[in-house]
Structures are given as C-alpha cells and as structure tokens.
Amino acid sequence: MWSAILDGTARSRARQCVDEVLRDLEADPARARDASLAQGLSGLAVLWAYASLDDDTDEIAAQGVACVERALELLDQGAVTDDSLFGGLAGLAWAIEHLTTFFLDE
C-alpha cells in the first residue's frame, strides 16, 4: 500500500514541484511522440498514475488513462515497431500490467 513519506512543508513543496511538471506536460502533450516507457506515453501513464495517489480528484488519473489509450492507438496503427522494455512493446505491456496490478489491488 502506498503512503506519503513527506509531511508538512516538505510535502507541500514537493507537491508544488510535481504539479508544475504535470502542468507543463499537460500544456505540451506532443512531447510524447511514441508509446515508449522511457520517453513516451507509457512512461507518462506511470507518472500520472503515481501523481494521482496524492490528489483528491480523478483528473490526474484520467490523464494516465488517456496516455495508455493513446499508446494503444499507436500500437494498433503499427507505430510500435520496437519490442524492447524502454523503447517499445515490452515497456507498454509492463506499464499496463504494473498499473493494473498496483492500482486495482489497492
């Protein structure tokens, strides 16, 4: 089970930093040009999902779901040609399995 390790001012400052990163990513979704775990939509899905653990709204989690959906669309379009963990299909599969296991088992 996940729990925050920071509290008080440190937690507030850390959350502000995370929120800035998320706003930046939301403002420029084209940064993720592929479905990869290392630099693409699969990695962003993991980021959004973990950021949602410390948020009271469903908006952040929805961003993670949208990233997975877009990555699957790329897979369906044949744009995922690499099968590696960080750059291709294995990373997408890992992200989906990890998020499903972690978030549905809580």
N, C-alpha and C. Protein backbone atom coordinates (compact mmCIF):
# COMPACT_ATOMS: atom_id res chain seq x y z
N MET A 1 0.83 -1.17 0.00
CA MET A 1 0.00 0.00 0.00
C MET A 1 0.89 1.25 0.00
N TRP A 2 0.53 2.23 -0.82
CA TRP A 2 1.29 3.46 -0.95
C TRP A 2 0.95 4.40 0.19
N SER A 3 1.95 5.11 0.68
CA SER A 3 1.71 6.19 1.64
C SER A 3 2.80 7.25 1.44
N ALA A 4 2.44 8.48 1.68
CA ALA A 4 3.36 9.60 1.51
C ALA A 4 4.48 9.51 2.54
N ILE A 5 5.69 9.85 2.12
CA ILE A 5 6.82 9.82 3.06
C ILE A 5 7.17 11.22 3.55
N LEU A 6 6.61 12.22 2.95
CA LEU A 6 6.85 13.60 3.38
C LEU A 6 5.60 14.13 4.07
N ASP A 7 5.80 15.12 4.93
CA ASP A 7 4.66 15.78 5.53
C ASP A 7 4.98 17.26 5.70
N GLY A 8 3.99 18.02 6.05
CA GLY A 8 4.16 19.43 6.32
C GLY A 8 4.66 20.22 5.12
N THR A 9 5.60 21.11 5.40
CA THR A 9 6.14 22.00 4.37
C THR A 9 6.85 21.24 3.27
N ALA A 10 7.59 20.21 3.62
CA ALA A 10 8.32 19.42 2.60
C ALA A 10 7.34 18.77 1.63
N ARG A 11 6.26 18.23 2.15
CA ARG A 11 5.25 17.61 1.29
C ARG A 11 4.59 18.65 0.38
N SER A 12 4.29 19.78 0.94
CA SER A 12 3.66 20.85 0.16
C SER A 12 4.57 21.33 -0.97
N ARG A 13 5.85 21.52 -0.67
CA ARG A 13 6.81 21.96 -1.69
C ARG A 13 7.01 20.90 -2.76
N ALA A 14 7.10 19.65 -2.36
CA ALA A 14 7.26 18.55 -3.32
C ALA A 14 6.04 18.48 -4.24
N ARG A 15 4.85 18.63 -3.66
CA ARG A 15 3.62 18.58 -4.46
C ARG A 15 3.56 19.74 -5.44
N GLN A 16 4.02 20.91 -5.03
CA GLN A 16 4.06 22.06 -5.94
C GLN A 16 4.95 21.76 -7.14
N CYS A 17 6.10 21.15 -6.88
CA CYS A 17 7.02 20.80 -7.97
C CYS A 17 6.38 19.78 -8.92
N VAL A 18 5.76 18.77 -8.35
CA VAL A 18 5.09 17.76 -9.18
C VAL A 18 3.99 18.41 -10.00
N ASP A 19 3.20 19.27 -9.39
CA ASP A 19 2.12 19.95 -10.11
C ASP A 19 2.65 20.80 -11.26
N GLU A 20 3.79 21.45 -11.06
CA GLU A 20 4.39 22.24 -12.14
C GLU A 20 4.79 21.35 -13.32
N VAL A 21 5.39 20.22 -13.01
CA VAL A 21 5.78 19.27 -14.07
C VAL A 21 4.53 18.79 -14.81
N LEU A 22 3.50 18.44 -14.07
CA LEU A 22 2.27 17.94 -14.70
C LEU A 22 1.61 19.00 -15.56
N ARG A 23 1.58 20.24 -15.09
CA ARG A 23 1.01 21.33 -15.90
C ARG A 23 1.80 21.52 -17.19
N ASP A 24 3.12 21.43 -17.08
CA ASP A 24 3.98 21.57 -18.25
C ASP A 24 3.70 20.45 -19.26
N LEU A 25 3.57 19.24 -18.76
CA LEU A 25 3.28 18.11 -19.65
C LEU A 25 1.90 18.23 -20.27
N GLU A 26 0.95 18.70 -19.49
CA GLU A 26 -0.41 18.85 -19.99
C GLU A 26 -0.48 19.94 -21.06
N ALA A 27 0.34 20.98 -20.89
CA ALA A 27 0.36 22.08 -21.85
C ALA A 27 0.99 21.67 -23.18
N ASP A 28 1.85 20.66 -23.15
CA ASP A 28 2.54 20.24 -24.36
C ASP A 28 2.51 18.71 -24.49
N PRO A 29 1.32 18.14 -24.76
CA PRO A 29 1.22 16.68 -24.84
C PRO A 29 1.97 16.09 -26.02
N ALA A 30 2.37 16.91 -26.99
CA ALA A 30 3.10 16.41 -28.15
C ALA A 30 4.51 15.95 -27.79
N ARG A 31 4.95 16.25 -26.58
CA ARG A 31 6.28 15.80 -26.14
C ARG A 31 6.40 14.29 -26.24
N ALA A 32 5.32 13.61 -25.96
CA ALA A 32 5.32 12.15 -26.04
C ALA A 32 4.97 11.76 -27.47
N ARG A 33 5.99 11.52 -28.25
CA ARG A 33 5.78 11.22 -29.66
C ARG A 33 5.67 9.73 -29.94
N ASP A 34 5.86 8.93 -28.91
CA ASP A 34 5.78 7.48 -29.11
C ASP A 34 5.14 6.83 -27.89
N ALA A 35 5.06 5.52 -27.91
CA ALA A 35 4.41 4.78 -26.84
C ALA A 35 5.41 4.25 -25.81
N SER A 36 6.65 4.65 -25.89
CA SER A 36 7.70 4.04 -25.08
C SER A 36 7.57 4.35 -23.59
N LEU A 37 8.20 3.49 -22.81
CA LEU A 37 8.27 3.68 -21.37
C LEU A 37 9.30 4.76 -21.03
N ALA A 38 10.38 4.81 -21.77
CA ALA A 38 11.48 5.72 -21.46
C ALA A 38 11.15 7.18 -21.75
N GLN A 39 10.52 7.46 -22.89
CA GLN A 39 10.30 8.85 -23.27
C GLN A 39 8.90 9.12 -23.81
N GLY A 40 8.02 8.15 -23.69
CA GLY A 40 6.73 8.29 -24.34
C GLY A 40 5.54 8.13 -23.42
N LEU A 41 4.47 7.71 -24.04
CA LEU A 41 3.18 7.65 -23.38
C LEU A 41 3.10 6.64 -22.24
N SER A 42 3.79 5.52 -22.37
CA SER A 42 3.77 4.52 -21.29
C SER A 42 4.39 5.08 -20.02
N GLY A 43 5.51 5.75 -20.16
CA GLY A 43 6.15 6.38 -19.00
C GLY A 43 5.30 7.48 -18.40
N LEU A 44 4.65 8.26 -19.27
CA LEU A 44 3.77 9.32 -18.77
C LEU A 44 2.58 8.73 -18.03
N ALA A 45 2.06 7.62 -18.51
CA ALA A 45 0.94 6.98 -17.82
C ALA A 45 1.32 6.60 -16.40
N VAL A 46 2.53 6.07 -16.24
CA VAL A 46 3.00 5.71 -14.90
C VAL A 46 3.15 6.97 -14.04
N LEU A 47 3.72 8.02 -14.60
CA LEU A 47 3.87 9.28 -13.86
C LEU A 47 2.52 9.82 -13.40
N TRP A 48 1.57 9.92 -14.31
CA TRP A 48 0.25 10.45 -13.96
C TRP A 48 -0.43 9.59 -12.91
N ALA A 49 -0.30 8.27 -13.05
CA ALA A 49 -0.95 7.37 -12.09
C ALA A 49 -0.39 7.57 -10.68
N TYR A 50 0.92 7.63 -10.56
CA TYR A 50 1.50 7.82 -9.24
C TYR A 50 1.21 9.21 -8.69
N ALA A 51 1.16 10.21 -9.55
CA ALA A 51 0.82 11.56 -9.09
C ALA A 51 -0.61 11.60 -8.57
N SER A 52 -1.46 10.75 -9.10
CA SER A 52 -2.86 10.75 -8.68
C SER A 52 -3.04 10.19 -7.26
N LEU A 53 -2.06 9.49 -6.74
CA LEU A 53 -2.18 8.92 -5.40
C LEU A 53 -2.29 9.99 -4.32
N ASP A 54 -1.75 11.16 -4.59
CA ASP A 54 -1.76 12.23 -3.59
C ASP A 54 -2.68 13.37 -4.03
N ASP A 55 -3.72 13.03 -4.77
CA ASP A 55 -4.63 14.03 -5.31
C ASP A 55 -6.06 13.58 -5.04
N ASP A 56 -6.91 14.51 -4.69
CA ASP A 56 -8.29 14.15 -4.35
C ASP A 56 -9.23 14.09 -5.55
N THR A 57 -8.75 14.46 -6.72
CA THR A 57 -9.61 14.45 -7.90
C THR A 57 -9.26 13.28 -8.81
N ASP A 58 -10.16 13.03 -9.74
CA ASP A 58 -9.92 11.97 -10.72
C ASP A 58 -9.24 12.50 -11.98
N GLU A 59 -9.02 13.80 -12.06
CA GLU A 59 -8.47 14.41 -13.27
C GLU A 59 -7.06 13.91 -13.59
N ILE A 60 -6.24 13.79 -12.58
CA ILE A 60 -4.86 13.37 -12.82
C ILE A 60 -4.82 11.91 -13.25
N ALA A 61 -5.60 11.06 -12.60
CA ALA A 61 -5.66 9.65 -13.00
C ALA A 61 -6.18 9.53 -14.43
N ALA A 62 -7.13 10.38 -14.81
CA ALA A 62 -7.68 10.35 -16.16
C ALA A 62 -6.61 10.66 -17.21
N GLN A 63 -5.65 11.51 -16.86
CA GLN A 63 -4.55 11.80 -17.79
C GLN A 63 -3.73 10.54 -18.04
N GLY A 64 -3.50 9.75 -17.00
CA GLY A 64 -2.77 8.50 -17.14
C GLY A 64 -3.51 7.51 -18.03
N VAL A 65 -4.80 7.42 -17.83
CA VAL A 65 -5.63 6.55 -18.67
C VAL A 65 -5.58 7.00 -20.12
N ALA A 66 -5.63 8.31 -20.35
CA ALA A 66 -5.57 8.85 -21.71
C ALA A 66 -4.23 8.50 -22.37
N CYS A 67 -3.16 8.54 -21.60
CA CYS A 67 -1.84 8.17 -22.15
C CYS A 67 -1.81 6.71 -22.59
N VAL A 68 -2.36 5.83 -21.77
CA VAL A 68 -2.41 4.41 -22.13
C VAL A 68 -3.26 4.23 -23.38
N GLU A 69 -4.40 4.90 -23.44
CA GLU A 69 -5.27 4.78 -24.61
C GLU A 69 -4.57 5.24 -25.88
N ARG A 70 -3.85 6.37 -25.81
CA ARG A 70 -3.12 6.86 -26.98
C ARG A 70 -2.00 5.91 -27.38
N ALA A 71 -1.32 5.33 -26.37
CA ALA A 71 -0.26 4.37 -26.66
C ALA A 71 -0.83 3.14 -27.36
N LEU A 72 -1.98 2.68 -26.92
CA LEU A 72 -2.63 1.52 -27.56
C LEU A 72 -3.08 1.85 -28.98
N GLU A 73 -3.50 3.08 -29.21
CA GLU A 73 -3.84 3.51 -30.57
C GLU A 73 -2.62 3.45 -31.47
N LEU A 74 -1.48 3.90 -30.96
CA LEU A 74 -0.24 3.83 -31.73
C LEU A 74 0.13 2.38 -32.04
N LEU A 75 -0.07 1.51 -31.07
CA LEU A 75 0.18 0.08 -31.27
C LEU A 75 -0.73 -0.46 -32.37
N ASP A 76 -1.99 -0.10 -32.31
CA ASP A 76 -2.96 -0.56 -33.30
C ASP A 76 -2.63 -0.03 -34.70
N GLN A 77 -2.06 1.15 -34.76
CA GLN A 77 -1.69 1.76 -36.05
C GLN A 77 -0.37 1.22 -36.59
N GLY A 78 0.29 0.36 -35.84
CA GLY A 78 1.55 -0.21 -36.28
C GLY A 78 2.74 0.68 -36.03
N ALA A 79 2.57 1.71 -35.20
CA ALA A 79 3.65 2.65 -34.93
C ALA A 79 4.64 2.13 -33.89
N VAL A 80 4.29 1.07 -33.17
CA VAL A 80 5.19 0.47 -32.19
C VAL A 80 5.91 -0.67 -32.88
N THR A 81 7.15 -0.43 -33.27
CA THR A 81 7.90 -1.42 -34.03
C THR A 81 9.03 -2.05 -33.23
N ASP A 82 9.35 -1.45 -32.11
CA ASP A 82 10.41 -1.94 -31.23
C ASP A 82 9.76 -2.85 -30.18
N ASP A 83 10.46 -3.88 -29.75
CA ASP A 83 9.88 -4.76 -28.74
C ASP A 83 10.61 -4.66 -27.39
N SER A 84 11.44 -3.66 -27.23
CA SER A 84 12.24 -3.54 -26.00
C SER A 84 11.43 -2.97 -24.84
N LEU A 85 12.01 -3.08 -23.65
CA LEU A 85 11.36 -2.59 -22.44
C LEU A 85 11.26 -1.06 -22.45
N PHE A 86 12.33 -0.38 -22.74
CA PHE A 86 12.32 1.07 -22.65
C PHE A 86 11.81 1.77 -23.90
N GLY A 87 11.90 1.11 -25.04
CA GLY A 87 11.54 1.78 -26.27
C GLY A 87 10.36 1.22 -27.03
N GLY A 88 9.74 0.17 -26.52
CA GLY A 88 8.72 -0.44 -27.35
C GLY A 88 7.62 -1.18 -26.63
N LEU A 89 7.20 -2.27 -27.26
CA LEU A 89 6.05 -3.03 -26.83
C LEU A 89 6.20 -3.58 -25.41
N ALA A 90 7.35 -4.07 -25.04
CA ALA A 90 7.53 -4.62 -23.69
C ALA A 90 7.30 -3.55 -22.63
N GLY A 91 7.72 -2.33 -22.89
CA GLY A 91 7.50 -1.24 -21.95
C GLY A 91 6.04 -0.88 -21.81
N LEU A 92 5.34 -0.85 -22.92
CA LEU A 92 3.90 -0.58 -22.89
C LEU A 92 3.19 -1.68 -22.10
N ALA A 93 3.54 -2.94 -22.38
CA ALA A 93 2.92 -4.05 -21.66
C ALA A 93 3.24 -3.99 -20.18
N TRP A 94 4.50 -3.68 -19.84
CA TRP A 94 4.88 -3.58 -18.43
C TRP A 94 4.08 -2.49 -17.74
N ALA A 95 3.97 -1.33 -18.37
CA ALA A 95 3.24 -0.21 -17.76
C ALA A 95 1.79 -0.59 -17.50
N ILE A 96 1.15 -1.21 -18.46
CA ILE A 96 -0.25 -1.60 -18.28
C ILE A 96 -0.37 -2.64 -17.17
N GLU A 97 0.49 -3.63 -17.17
CA GLU A 97 0.45 -4.67 -16.13
C GLU A 97 0.74 -4.07 -14.75
N HIS A 98 1.74 -3.23 -14.66
CA HIS A 98 2.10 -2.61 -13.39
C HIS A 98 0.95 -1.76 -12.85
N LEU A 99 0.41 -0.91 -13.69
CA LEU A 99 -0.66 -0.03 -13.24
C LEU A 99 -1.91 -0.82 -12.88
N THR A 100 -2.22 -1.82 -13.66
CA THR A 100 -3.40 -2.64 -13.37
C THR A 100 -3.22 -3.37 -12.05
N THR A 101 -2.07 -3.99 -11.86
CA THR A 101 -1.82 -4.74 -10.63
C THR A 101 -1.77 -3.81 -9.42
N PHE A 102 -1.02 -2.73 -9.52
CA PHE A 102 -0.83 -1.85 -8.38
C PHE A 102 -2.11 -1.12 -8.01
N PHE A 103 -2.79 -0.57 -8.98
CA PHE A 103 -3.94 0.28 -8.69
C PHE A 103 -5.24 -0.49 -8.49
N LEU A 104 -5.36 -1.65 -9.08
CA LEU A 104 -6.58 -2.41 -8.88
C LEU A 104 -6.52 -3.30 -7.65
N ASP A 105 -5.33 -3.59 -7.18
CA ASP A 105 -5.17 -4.43 -5.99
C ASP A 105 -5.23 -3.63 -4.70
N GLU A 106 -5.24 -2.30 -4.79
CA GLU A 106 -5.26 -1.47 -3.57
C GLU A 106 -6.62 -1.47 -2.92
